[in-house]
Protein backbone atom coordinates (compact mmCIF):
# COMPACT_ATOMS: atom_id res chain seq x y z
CA UNK A 1 11.89 1.88 -23.25
CA UNK A 2 8.93 0.64 -21.29
CA UNK A 3 6.45 3.17 -20.06
CA UNK A 4 3.94 1.99 -17.42
CA UNK A 5 0.82 3.77 -16.81
CA UNK A 6 -1.77 2.79 -14.05
CA UNK A 7 -4.64 0.91 -15.22
CA UNK A 8 -7.84 2.77 -15.63
CA UNK A 9 -9.48 0.90 -13.00
CA UNK A 10 -8.00 0.78 -9.46
CA UNK A 11 -7.63 -2.77 -7.59
CA UNK A 12 -10.81 -4.40 -6.52
CA UNK A 13 -11.71 -2.83 -3.32
CA UNK A 14 -11.95 -5.29 -0.18
CA UNK A 15 -14.80 -4.40 1.90
CA UNK A 16 -14.18 -5.14 5.67
CA UNK A 17 -15.78 -4.21 8.83
CA UNK A 18 -13.38 -1.38 9.52
CA UNK A 19 -11.91 -0.36 6.18
CA UNK A 20 -12.21 -0.50 2.37
CA UNK A 21 -8.74 -1.15 1.06
CA UNK A 22 -7.72 -0.33 -2.54
CA UNK A 23 -4.27 -0.49 -4.21
CA UNK A 24 -3.18 1.25 -7.31
CA UNK A 25 0.35 1.56 -9.18
CA UNK A 26 1.70 5.03 -9.80
CA UNK A 27 4.24 5.13 -12.40
CA UNK A 28 7.13 7.89 -11.66
CA UNK A 29 5.94 11.16 -13.19
CA UNK A 30 9.57 12.18 -14.19
CA UNK A 31 13.12 10.99 -14.44
CA UNK A 32 14.70 10.26 -10.97
CA UNK A 33 11.50 9.46 -9.34
CA UNK A 34 10.50 5.77 -8.34
CA UNK A 35 7.17 4.02 -9.02
CA UNK A 36 4.94 3.40 -6.35
CA UNK A 37 1.99 1.42 -5.18
CA UNK A 38 -0.71 3.68 -3.49
CA UNK A 39 -2.61 1.98 -0.89
CA UNK A 40 -5.74 3.78 0.25
CA UNK A 41 -7.76 3.02 3.43
CA UNK A 42 -11.39 4.10 3.45
CA UNK A 43 -12.35 4.16 7.15
CA UNK A 44 -15.97 2.43 7.65
CA UNK A 45 -16.01 2.90 11.29
CA UNK A 46 -14.74 6.48 12.55
CA UNK A 47 -13.70 4.86 15.89
CA UNK A 48 -11.23 2.51 14.34
CA UNK A 49 -7.80 3.88 13.40
CA UNK A 50 -4.53 2.43 11.55
CA UNK A 51 -1.47 2.51 13.75
CA UNK A 52 1.53 4.59 12.69
CA UNK A 53 3.79 2.14 14.40
CA UNK A 54 4.30 -0.71 13.30
CA UNK A 55 4.14 1.08 9.82
CA UNK A 56 1.42 -0.88 7.32
CA UNK A 57 3.45 -2.41 4.73
CA UNK A 58 3.07 -4.14 1.23
CA UNK A 59 4.05 -7.68 0.76
CA UNK A 60 4.30 -8.51 -3.01
CA UNK A 61 3.55 -12.17 -3.86
CA UNK A 62 6.55 -14.28 -4.45
CA UNK A 63 4.87 -15.68 -7.64
CA UNK A 64 4.97 -12.51 -9.70
CA UNK A 65 7.95 -11.01 -11.35
CA UNK A 66 6.81 -7.46 -12.52
CA UNK A 67 7.25 -5.50 -9.35
CA UNK A 68 9.83 -5.44 -6.62
CA UNK A 69 10.22 -3.38 -3.49
CA UNK A 70 12.35 -0.41 -4.70
CA UNK A 71 15.31 0.52 -2.07
CA UNK A 72 14.05 2.96 0.48
CA UNK A 73 15.89 5.90 1.84
CA UNK A 74 17.26 5.45 5.55
CA UNK A 75 14.71 6.87 7.86
CA UNK A 76 15.43 8.63 11.21
CA UNK A 77 14.57 6.12 14.22
CA UNK A 78 10.81 6.41 15.36
CA UNK A 79 10.29 6.56 19.12
CA UNK A 80 8.37 3.81 20.28
CA UNK A 81 4.48 4.16 20.69
CA UNK A 82 3.05 4.36 24.15
CA UNK A 83 -0.42 3.19 25.21
CA UNK A 84 -1.07 6.40 26.79
CA UNK A 85 -0.17 8.29 23.63
CA UNK A 86 -0.82 6.20 20.33
CA UNK A 87 -0.41 7.68 17.01
CA UNK A 88 -2.49 6.98 13.97
CA UNK A 89 -1.82 7.52 10.41
CA UNK A 90 -3.79 10.23 8.66
CA UNK A 91 -5.83 8.41 6.06
CA UNK A 92 -6.83 11.41 3.75
CA UNK A 93 -3.90 10.27 1.59
CA UNK A 94 -2.82 7.06 0.40
CA UNK A 95 0.27 5.38 1.89
CA UNK A 96 2.82 4.83 -0.94
CA UNK A 97 5.16 1.97 -1.09
CA UNK A 98 8.26 2.22 -3.62
CA UNK A 99 8.40 -0.52 -6.11
CA UNK A 100 10.57 -1.10 -9.19
CA UNK A 101 8.95 -2.39 -12.38
CA UNK A 102 10.71 -5.12 -14.09
CA UNK A 103 12.76 -3.67 -17.19
CA UNK A 104 11.51 -6.82 -19.24
CA UNK A 105 7.82 -6.58 -18.16
CA UNK A 106 5.51 -7.52 -20.96
CA UNK A 107 3.26 -5.20 -22.48
CA UNK A 108 -0.52 -5.23 -21.53
CA UNK A 109 -2.73 -5.15 -18.44
CA UNK A 110 -1.42 -7.24 -15.49
CA UNK A 111 -2.64 -7.79 -12.05
CA UNK A 112 0.04 -8.20 -9.46
CA UNK A 113 -1.21 -10.16 -6.16
CA UNK A 114 -0.08 -8.72 -2.84
CA UNK A 115 -1.13 -8.38 0.53
CA UNK A 116 -1.34 -5.24 3.03
CA UNK A 117 -0.62 -5.95 6.42
CA UNK A 118 -1.12 -3.22 9.18
CA UNK A 119 -2.33 -2.90 12.94
CA UNK A 120 -5.46 -0.98 13.63
CA UNK A 121 -7.08 -0.10 17.04
CA UNK A 122 -10.28 1.08 18.53
CA UNK A 123 -9.49 3.30 21.51
CA UNK A 124 -12.82 3.67 22.88
CA UNK A 125 -13.60 -0.25 22.75
CA UNK A 126 -9.87 -0.75 24.06
CA UNK A 127 -8.65 -3.43 21.53
CA UNK A 128 -6.12 -3.58 18.81
CA UNK A 129 -5.85 -6.20 15.73
CA UNK A 130 -3.29 -7.16 12.96
CA UNK A 131 -4.97 -6.80 9.33
CA UNK A 132 -3.98 -8.92 6.34
CA UNK A 133 -5.63 -7.90 3.21
CA UNK A 134 -5.13 -9.19 -0.10
CA UNK A 135 -5.07 -6.84 -3.01
CA UNK A 136 -4.49 -6.96 -6.69
CA UNK A 137 -2.57 -4.08 -8.26
CA UNK A 138 -3.60 -3.45 -11.77
CA UNK A 139 -0.74 -2.24 -14.06
CA UNK A 140 -0.88 -1.20 -17.81
CA UNK A 141 2.52 -1.88 -19.43
CA UNK A 142 2.89 0.16 -22.89
CA UNK A 143 6.15 0.74 -24.85
C-alpha cells in the first residue's frame, strides 16, 4: 500500500501584482476520502478579487504521471453571474481540487507541474482579467 503525505514545504509561492499563489498536496485523511491539491490565494491588493464564475481550475501538466483529476460529484447548476452583482470567492480557505495519486507512484519527493487558471476583477477600477499561474506541487510518497 502506498501512503502519500504532503511534503514539508509547500510549492514555491508565485508572487504577482495581485496575489501570491501556493499549491500543496493534501492526502486523504481517512478511507473513502479523496486526495486533493489545495491552492491558496493570498491577496496583495485588497481591491482585487477572484471570481466565483468561472471557477478557478487546476490543470495538471500532461508530462507528469503522478496525479490525475479525480472524478467529481455532480454539482447543481450555478446561475450566471451578473455585472451588477459579481460574486467573488472567499479566499480565507484554500480552494481544493480532487486528485488521484497513481497507485504505482515511486517513493520519494516529487514536484508535479501544474497551472492555476482563474479570473479576477477590480470593481473600483472597472477591469477583469484571466490569470494563468504555473505552480509546482510537492509530494512525498512513502510506503
